[in-house]
Amino acid sequence: MMMKVPELSLLKNTDFVSSCEQFIQTRRAIHAHPELGAEVPNTAKMVADLLNEWGYETHTGIGGHGVVGVLKQGNSERSIGIRADMDALPIEEETGLPYASKIHGRMHACGHDGHTAILLAAAHYLAKNVSFDGTINLIFQPDEEGLSGAKAMIDDGLFDRFPCDAVFALHNMPGKEVGQAAVRSGAFLASSDRVTIRLTGKGGHAALPHLSNDVTIAIGHIILGLQSIVSRNINPCDQSVISIGQINAGTTPNVIPNDAMMTLSVRNFSEANQDLIEQRIREVVAGQCQALGIEGEVEYLRQVPSVFNAAEETLRARKVVKAVLGEENVAGDEAPVIPGSEDFAWMLKERPGCYFILANGLGEWHGCSVHNPGYDFNDQLVTIGAACWVELVSEYLTTP
């Protein structure tokens, strides 16, 4: 059930709601035909065709299959960028819904189908019904799940070709009642680092361990050492995560292996902690390897920085979301940070902006966590999200 919204909200405008509701079917069509990573040609073509139809100056092939729709009115040099992601996940859908994925092993399990539909609904209404003074750049991005699409578009000249004074994006969040939102300034989502640890020792017969340098013993010590980093090196007031996702060593119980490999996921909300954790991981591995007489190598890949919302742009976004949903339904800086990651962070490194959250709802599907075979995007958010974008453009590019 929708929460009470302000009388002047676009959600009370029957023409706006009617305009947006047609994009629920667009969302479901995208959901039924998911595309992965950077390879989203059909979704990108659908987006580009619609933007062209509505009078946008449409540019394709940016950073791969990225699309930008440009709409300019008036004489102002002010410009705003709004991003939606288009890619799905390699998950087999288990919802049983009529519009469930038709492609084996692929699923829109994070709501990017909905994010795309939201921005299309806003684009349609803005082109036909809203007067503003400046330029709108609507950015449809591939490969968010691979944490590579935003960087690819930037490296292909995104902000040189389509200048933006500020950039904005949203994401759905299951587990809270529809009509709630979180718009927090500062660090909001975590950085994401991938760490690979390779160990090389001297294998041998399991019955003669004294003739070997056993990498499995090193794994055990390294695991304990890694888990002490956050608890003993990071300020308890901060948040960091080190998770061990993969360990490979050996093939049979009676052979001590020659080598082993571990992979880690590391999350932080500050570059200082990112630097400290990288240093400590390298020290832990080196120390244990020296003690046990084996060789160790650490490959540390910083995949994406923390999502950091600029103060002024966050105030603008919060004002807009409150106008749509009501002040009591929008959390500000009291909202908790989120240890997940998002490659919109790269865009926020280039331009000030804000990334905010809309609640996806409760229940069997809408309350189900993202990246889960039982998840489904809540179609009510198509109208809610579009209202936020239309209000943001109207507020940011106000006609004098």
Protein backbone atom coordinates (compact mmCIF):
# COMPACT_ATOMS: atom_id res chain seq x y z
CA MET A 1 0.00 0.00 0.00
CA MET A 2 1.29 3.45 -0.91
CA MET A 3 2.05 5.79 1.97
CA LYS A 4 0.36 9.19 2.13
CA VAL A 5 1.96 11.69 -0.26
CA PRO A 6 1.68 15.49 -0.47
CA GLU A 7 -1.34 16.92 -2.29
CA LEU A 8 0.91 18.80 -4.73
CA SER A 9 3.01 15.75 -5.55
CA LEU A 10 3.14 14.57 -9.15
CA LEU A 11 1.80 11.28 -7.82
CA LYS A 12 -1.54 13.09 -7.44
CA ASN A 13 -1.46 14.21 -11.08
CA THR A 14 -3.62 11.77 -13.06
CA ASP A 15 -2.09 12.78 -16.40
CA PHE A 16 1.42 12.13 -15.10
CA VAL A 17 0.47 8.79 -13.51
CA SER A 18 -1.27 7.69 -16.71
CA SER A 19 1.77 8.70 -18.76
CA CYS A 20 4.07 6.62 -16.54
CA GLU A 21 1.93 3.51 -16.21
CA GLN A 22 2.54 2.48 -19.83
CA PHE A 23 6.20 1.98 -18.93
CA ILE A 24 5.31 -0.84 -16.56
CA GLN A 25 4.89 -2.97 -19.68
CA THR A 26 8.22 -1.64 -20.96
CA ARG A 27 9.84 -2.73 -17.72
CA ARG A 28 8.34 -6.20 -17.99
CA ALA A 29 9.47 -6.55 -21.60
CA ILE A 30 13.04 -5.71 -20.56
CA HIS A 31 12.72 -8.14 -17.65
CA ALA A 32 11.68 -10.98 -19.95
CA HIS A 33 14.69 -10.44 -22.22
CA PRO A 34 17.67 -9.74 -19.94
CA GLU A 35 21.14 -8.96 -21.27
CA LEU A 36 24.38 -9.27 -19.33
CA GLY A 37 27.26 -6.95 -18.60
CA ALA A 38 28.53 -4.81 -21.42
CA GLU A 39 26.54 -6.77 -24.02
CA VAL A 40 23.15 -5.05 -23.92
CA PRO A 41 22.57 -4.24 -27.63
CA ASN A 42 18.82 -4.93 -27.71
CA THR A 43 18.04 -2.96 -24.56
CA ALA A 44 20.22 -0.09 -25.79
CA LYS A 45 18.48 -0.08 -29.19
CA MET A 46 15.04 -0.01 -27.58
CA VAL A 47 16.10 2.93 -25.38
CA ALA A 48 17.64 4.84 -28.32
CA ASP A 49 14.61 4.28 -30.55
CA LEU A 50 12.24 5.65 -27.91
CA LEU A 51 14.42 8.69 -27.18
CA ASN A 52 14.63 9.46 -30.90
CA GLU A 53 10.86 9.14 -31.20
CA TRP A 54 10.37 11.71 -28.42
CA GLY A 55 12.72 14.27 -29.96
CA TYR A 56 15.92 13.68 -28.00
CA GLU A 57 19.28 14.09 -29.68
CA THR A 58 20.35 10.50 -29.18
CA HIS A 59 23.90 9.17 -29.09
CA THR A 60 24.77 5.46 -29.02
CA GLY A 61 27.90 3.31 -28.74
CA ILE A 62 29.37 5.26 -25.81
CA GLY A 63 31.73 3.02 -23.87
CA GLY A 64 30.27 0.06 -25.73
CA HIS A 65 26.46 0.02 -25.70
CA GLY A 66 25.97 3.15 -23.61
CA VAL A 67 23.25 5.58 -24.73
CA VAL A 68 22.85 9.30 -23.99
CA GLY A 69 19.70 11.26 -24.80
CA VAL A 70 20.08 15.05 -24.85
CA LEU A 71 17.20 17.50 -24.57
CA LYS A 72 17.82 21.24 -24.51
CA GLN A 73 15.43 24.13 -23.89
CA GLY A 74 16.05 27.82 -23.40
CA ASN A 75 19.42 29.57 -23.32
CA SER A 76 20.92 28.53 -20.00
CA GLU A 77 24.28 26.75 -19.95
CA ARG A 78 23.20 24.73 -16.92
CA SER A 79 23.07 20.98 -17.43
CA ILE A 80 22.09 17.90 -15.46
CA GLY A 81 22.90 14.22 -15.94
CA ILE A 82 20.64 11.36 -14.79
CA ARG A 83 21.86 7.77 -15.04
CA ALA A 84 20.05 4.44 -15.29
CA ASP A 85 21.72 1.02 -15.54
CA MET A 86 20.56 -1.59 -18.09
CA ASP A 87 22.30 -4.92 -17.39
CA ALA A 88 21.05 -8.11 -15.71
CA LEU A 89 22.72 -10.92 -13.74
CA PRO A 90 23.75 -14.53 -14.55
CA ILE A 91 21.02 -16.01 -12.29
CA GLU A 92 18.26 -18.49 -13.13
CA GLU A 93 14.93 -16.82 -12.26
CA GLU A 94 12.60 -18.66 -9.87
CA THR A 95 9.71 -16.20 -9.48
CA GLY A 96 7.29 -17.98 -11.83
CA LEU A 97 5.89 -14.59 -12.87
CA PRO A 98 4.18 -14.25 -16.29
CA TYR A 99 6.95 -11.92 -17.48
CA ALA A 100 9.82 -13.96 -16.00
CA SER A 101 13.07 -14.20 -17.93
CA LYS A 102 12.82 -16.13 -21.18
CA ILE A 103 16.57 -16.63 -21.34
CA HIS A 104 18.09 -19.50 -19.39
CA GLY A 105 20.56 -18.43 -16.71
CA ARG A 106 19.86 -14.71 -17.01
CA MET A 107 17.69 -12.54 -14.82
CA HIS A 108 17.04 -8.92 -13.89
CA ALA A 109 17.68 -9.69 -10.22
CA CYS A 110 18.76 -6.18 -9.21
CA GLY A 111 16.03 -4.02 -10.74
CA HIS A 112 17.98 -2.44 -13.58
CA ASP A 113 14.97 -3.19 -15.80
CA GLY A 114 13.01 -0.93 -13.46
CA HIS A 115 15.66 1.78 -13.32
CA THR A 116 15.67 1.93 -17.12
CA ALA A 117 11.86 2.07 -17.25
CA ILE A 118 11.83 4.85 -14.63
CA LEU A 119 14.17 7.04 -16.67
CA LEU A 120 12.27 6.31 -19.89
CA ALA A 121 8.99 7.29 -18.20
CA ALA A 122 10.59 10.53 -17.01
CA ALA A 123 12.12 11.16 -20.45
CA HIS A 124 8.73 10.76 -22.12
CA TYR A 125 6.98 13.16 -19.76
CA LEU A 126 9.79 15.73 -19.78
CA ALA A 127 9.82 15.88 -23.57
CA LYS A 128 6.07 16.43 -23.84
CA ASN A 129 5.01 18.34 -20.73
CA VAL A 130 7.81 20.18 -18.92
CA SER A 131 9.38 23.58 -19.62
CA PHE A 132 12.90 24.11 -18.33
CA ASP A 133 15.96 26.20 -19.08
CA GLY A 134 19.12 24.22 -19.79
CA THR A 135 20.18 20.75 -20.93
CA ILE A 136 19.17 17.29 -19.75
CA ASN A 137 21.59 14.41 -20.40
CA LEU A 138 19.91 11.06 -19.82
CA ILE A 139 22.62 8.39 -19.41
CA PHE A 140 21.73 4.73 -19.98
CA GLN A 141 24.68 2.65 -18.84
CA PRO A 142 25.69 -0.98 -19.46
CA ASP A 143 27.70 -3.24 -17.16
CA GLU A 144 27.01 -1.83 -13.73
CA GLU A 145 27.13 -5.34 -12.29
CA GLY A 146 30.67 -5.74 -13.60
CA LEU A 147 31.54 -2.35 -12.04
CA SER A 148 32.94 -1.35 -15.44
CA GLY A 149 30.22 0.40 -17.44
CA ALA A 150 30.42 3.86 -15.89
CA LYS A 151 34.22 3.97 -16.24
CA ALA A 152 33.97 2.79 -19.85
CA MET A 153 31.55 5.60 -20.71
CA ILE A 154 33.69 8.18 -18.92
CA ASP A 155 36.84 6.96 -20.68
CA ASP A 156 34.94 7.29 -23.98
CA GLY A 157 34.44 10.99 -23.30
CA LEU A 158 31.04 10.99 -21.58
CA PHE A 159 31.43 14.26 -19.70
CA ASP A 160 33.54 15.93 -22.39
CA ARG A 161 30.86 15.27 -25.00
CA PHE A 162 27.89 15.80 -22.67
CA PRO A 163 28.87 18.34 -19.98
CA CYS A 164 26.97 17.94 -16.71
CA ASP A 165 27.03 20.35 -13.78
CA ALA A 166 25.79 17.49 -11.59
CA VAL A 167 24.83 13.83 -11.96
CA PHE A 168 22.17 11.77 -10.21
CA ALA A 169 21.09 8.13 -9.96
CA LEU A 170 18.74 6.01 -7.88
CA HIS A 171 18.40 2.38 -6.84
CA ASN A 172 15.60 0.30 -5.41
CA MET A 173 15.95 -1.28 -1.96
CA PRO A 174 13.82 -4.27 -0.88
CA GLY A 175 12.65 -4.69 2.69
CA LYS A 176 10.92 -1.37 3.42
CA GLU A 177 7.41 -0.15 2.63
CA VAL A 178 6.96 1.45 -0.79
CA GLY A 179 6.88 5.22 -0.42
CA GLN A 180 9.98 5.43 1.75
CA ALA A 181 13.37 6.70 0.62
CA ALA A 182 16.89 7.44 1.83
CA VAL A 183 18.88 10.44 0.58
CA ARG A 184 22.13 10.63 2.53
CA SER A 185 25.09 12.98 2.01
CA GLY A 186 28.73 11.92 2.14
CA ALA A 187 29.89 8.32 1.84
CA PHE A 188 26.79 6.18 1.20
CA LEU A 189 27.95 2.97 -0.53
CA ALA A 190 31.27 1.21 -0.04
CA SER A 191 34.27 0.87 -2.29
CA SER A 192 34.88 -2.61 -3.70
CA ASP A 193 38.32 -4.22 -3.93
CA ARG A 194 39.10 -7.71 -5.24
CA VAL A 195 42.16 -9.40 -3.75
CA THR A 196 43.85 -12.54 -5.03
CA ILE A 197 46.42 -14.30 -2.81
CA ARG A 198 48.64 -16.97 -4.41
CA LEU A 199 50.76 -19.25 -2.22
CA THR A 200 53.54 -21.56 -3.38
CA GLY A 201 55.15 -24.16 -1.13
CA LYS A 202 56.53 -27.65 -1.42
CA GLY A 203 54.00 -30.43 -1.71
CA GLY A 204 54.39 -34.07 -0.89
CA HIS A 205 52.86 -37.18 0.64
CA ALA A 206 50.27 -36.53 3.33
CA ALA A 207 51.97 -39.13 5.54
CA LEU A 208 55.29 -37.26 5.44
CA PRO A 209 54.41 -33.62 6.21
CA HIS A 210 57.87 -32.91 7.63
CA LEU A 211 59.25 -33.13 4.08
CA SER A 212 56.88 -30.43 2.81
CA ASN A 213 56.23 -26.74 3.23
CA ASP A 214 52.45 -26.93 3.58
CA VAL A 215 50.45 -24.11 1.98
CA THR A 216 47.26 -25.26 3.72
CA ILE A 217 48.75 -24.38 7.11
CA ALA A 218 49.52 -20.92 5.74
CA ILE A 219 45.92 -20.57 4.58
CA GLY A 220 44.69 -21.17 8.12
CA HIS A 221 47.02 -18.61 9.65
CA ILE A 222 46.27 -16.06 6.92
CA ILE A 223 42.51 -16.44 7.47
CA LEU A 224 42.91 -15.68 11.17
CA GLY A 225 45.24 -12.77 10.42
CA LEU A 226 42.85 -11.27 7.87
CA GLN A 227 39.94 -11.40 10.30
CA SER A 228 41.95 -9.45 12.88
CA ILE A 229 42.51 -6.48 10.54
CA VAL A 230 39.04 -4.95 10.82
CA SER A 231 38.68 -5.79 14.53
CA ARG A 232 42.12 -4.52 15.56
CA ASN A 233 43.36 -2.03 12.93
CA ILE A 234 40.22 -0.14 11.87
CA ASN A 235 38.60 2.48 14.10
CA PRO A 236 35.49 0.86 15.65
CA CYS A 237 33.48 3.93 14.60
CA ASP A 238 34.21 3.15 10.95
CA GLN A 239 32.87 0.31 8.83
CA SER A 240 34.99 -2.06 6.75
CA VAL A 241 34.48 -5.62 5.55
CA ILE A 242 36.91 -8.36 4.51
CA SER A 243 35.20 -11.48 3.18
CA ILE A 244 36.97 -14.60 1.91
CA GLY A 245 34.97 -15.84 -1.05
CA GLN A 246 37.16 -18.56 -2.53
CA ILE A 247 39.91 -20.97 -1.43
CA ASN A 248 41.49 -23.48 -3.83
CA ALA A 249 44.12 -25.96 -2.68
CA GLY A 250 44.79 -29.57 -3.53
CA THR A 251 42.86 -32.28 -5.36
CA THR A 252 43.02 -35.37 -3.14
CA PRO A 253 43.23 -36.08 0.63
CA ASN A 254 46.59 -37.92 0.66
CA VAL A 255 48.66 -35.28 -1.14
CA ILE A 256 49.90 -32.02 0.38
CA PRO A 257 49.47 -29.47 -2.44
CA ASN A 258 52.26 -27.38 -3.93
CA ASP A 259 50.17 -24.23 -4.20
CA ALA A 260 46.95 -22.54 -3.18
CA MET A 261 44.84 -19.54 -4.09
CA MET A 262 42.45 -17.33 -2.12
CA THR A 263 40.20 -14.50 -3.30
CA LEU A 264 38.79 -11.77 -1.06
CA SER A 265 36.21 -9.01 -1.28
CA VAL A 266 37.09 -5.84 0.65
CA ARG A 267 34.68 -2.96 1.31
CA ASN A 268 35.44 0.48 2.80
CA PHE A 269 33.87 3.92 3.10
CA SER A 270 37.11 5.92 3.05
CA GLU A 271 40.29 5.88 1.00
CA ALA A 272 42.34 6.02 4.21
CA ASN A 273 40.89 2.70 5.39
CA GLN A 274 41.24 1.32 1.87
CA ASP A 275 44.97 2.12 1.98
CA LEU A 276 45.38 0.72 5.50
CA ILE A 277 43.63 -2.56 4.73
CA GLU A 278 45.66 -3.12 1.57
CA GLN A 279 48.86 -2.53 3.55
CA ARG A 280 47.80 -4.89 6.34
CA ILE A 281 46.72 -7.68 3.97
CA ARG A 282 50.12 -7.55 2.30
CA GLU A 283 51.85 -7.60 5.69
CA VAL A 284 49.79 -10.52 7.00
CA VAL A 285 50.49 -12.63 3.91
CA ALA A 286 54.20 -11.76 3.85
CA GLY A 287 54.60 -12.48 7.56
CA GLN A 288 52.91 -15.86 7.46
CA CYS A 289 54.78 -16.89 4.33
CA GLN A 290 58.12 -15.99 5.90
CA ALA A 291 57.28 -17.89 9.08
CA LEU A 292 56.25 -21.03 7.20
CA GLY A 293 58.88 -20.99 4.46
CA ILE A 294 56.61 -20.53 1.47
CA GLU A 295 56.21 -17.89 -1.24
CA GLY A 296 53.25 -15.53 -1.38
CA GLU A 297 51.90 -13.04 -3.90
CA VAL A 298 49.10 -10.50 -3.39
CA GLU A 299 47.22 -9.00 -6.32
CA TYR A 300 45.12 -6.07 -5.08
CA LEU A 301 42.56 -4.64 -7.54
CA ARG A 302 40.61 -1.52 -6.58
CA GLN A 303 37.47 -2.05 -8.64
CA VAL A 304 35.38 0.95 -7.67
CA PRO A 305 35.55 3.78 -5.10
CA SER A 306 32.96 4.60 -2.47
CA VAL A 307 29.78 6.37 -3.57
CA PHE A 308 30.19 9.87 -2.14
CA ASN A 309 27.21 12.24 -2.34
CA ALA A 310 28.01 15.96 -2.54
CA ALA A 311 26.34 18.15 0.08
CA GLU A 312 24.56 20.67 -2.20
CA GLU A 313 23.32 18.07 -4.69
CA THR A 314 22.09 15.85 -1.86
CA LEU A 315 20.07 18.72 -0.44
CA ARG A 316 18.51 19.26 -3.88
CA ALA A 317 17.68 15.57 -4.28
CA ARG A 318 16.28 15.31 -0.75
CA LYS A 319 14.05 18.34 -1.33
CA VAL A 320 12.71 16.77 -4.52
CA VAL A 321 12.10 13.31 -3.04
CA LYS A 322 10.32 14.88 -0.07
CA ALA A 323 8.11 16.84 -2.49
CA VAL A 324 7.14 13.54 -4.13
CA LEU A 325 6.78 11.25 -1.09
CA GLY A 326 6.31 13.55 1.89
CA GLU A 327 8.88 14.77 4.39
CA GLU A 328 8.14 12.07 6.97
CA ASN A 329 8.89 9.31 4.43
CA VAL A 330 12.41 10.39 3.48
CA ALA A 331 15.45 9.60 5.64
CA GLY A 332 18.44 11.92 5.41
CA ASP A 333 21.90 11.64 6.94
CA GLU A 334 20.50 9.38 9.67
CA ALA A 335 20.02 6.65 7.05
CA PRO A 336 22.56 3.83 7.43
CA VAL A 337 25.41 3.45 4.98
CA ILE A 338 25.24 0.46 2.62
CA PRO A 339 28.24 -1.91 2.36
CA GLY A 340 27.36 -2.85 -1.22
CA SER A 341 29.08 -1.11 -4.12
CA GLU A 342 27.98 0.76 -7.26
CA ASP A 343 30.02 1.98 -10.22
CA PHE A 344 28.09 5.26 -10.35
CA ALA A 345 30.86 6.14 -7.89
CA TRP A 346 33.12 6.78 -10.90
CA MET A 347 30.69 9.41 -12.21
CA LEU A 348 30.59 11.03 -8.76
CA LYS A 349 34.40 11.21 -8.90
CA GLU A 350 34.07 13.32 -12.06
CA ARG A 351 31.06 15.45 -11.17
CA PRO A 352 29.21 16.37 -7.96
CA GLY A 353 25.95 14.55 -7.52
CA CYS A 354 23.73 12.29 -5.46
CA TYR A 355 22.73 8.62 -5.45
CA PHE A 356 19.60 7.80 -3.47
CA ILE A 357 17.41 4.85 -2.53
CA LEU A 358 13.70 4.13 -3.07
CA ALA A 359 12.11 1.35 -1.02
CA ASN A 360 11.02 -1.61 -3.18
CA GLY A 361 8.47 -2.96 -0.70
CA LEU A 362 7.82 -6.05 1.39
CA GLY A 363 6.55 -9.54 0.72
CA GLU A 364 7.51 -12.58 -1.34
CA TRP A 365 9.08 -10.79 -4.30
CA HIS A 366 9.37 -7.11 -3.50
CA GLY A 367 10.91 -7.76 -0.10
CA CYS A 368 13.28 -10.38 -1.49
CA SER A 369 16.91 -9.26 -1.56
CA VAL A 370 18.48 -8.20 -4.84
CA HIS A 371 20.84 -10.70 -6.53
CA ASN A 372 18.40 -13.44 -5.61
CA PRO A 373 16.42 -15.76 -7.96
CA GLY A 374 13.17 -14.82 -6.17
CA TYR A 375 13.53 -11.04 -6.53
CA ASP A 376 11.24 -8.78 -8.58
CA PHE A 377 11.25 -5.01 -9.07
CA ASN A 378 8.13 -3.26 -7.76
CA ASP A 379 6.22 -1.64 -10.64
CA GLN A 380 4.90 1.10 -8.32
CA LEU A 381 8.41 2.57 -8.41
CA VAL A 382 8.17 3.34 -12.12
CA THR A 383 5.84 6.23 -11.35
CA ILE A 384 7.52 7.20 -8.07
CA GLY A 385 11.01 7.24 -9.58
CA ALA A 386 9.89 9.11 -12.68
CA ALA A 387 8.24 11.73 -10.47
CA CYS A 388 11.54 12.22 -8.64
CA TRP A 389 13.42 12.75 -11.92
CA VAL A 390 10.82 15.12 -13.38
CA GLU A 391 10.76 17.17 -10.18
CA LEU A 392 14.57 17.22 -10.06
CA VAL A 393 14.86 18.55 -13.61
CA SER A 394 12.18 21.15 -12.91
CA GLU A 395 13.97 22.24 -9.73
CA TYR A 396 17.50 22.17 -11.17
CA LEU A 397 16.71 23.79 -14.53
CA THR A 398 14.01 26.20 -13.42
CA THR A 399 12.78 28.52 -16.14
CA PRO A 400 13.38 32.13 -15.01
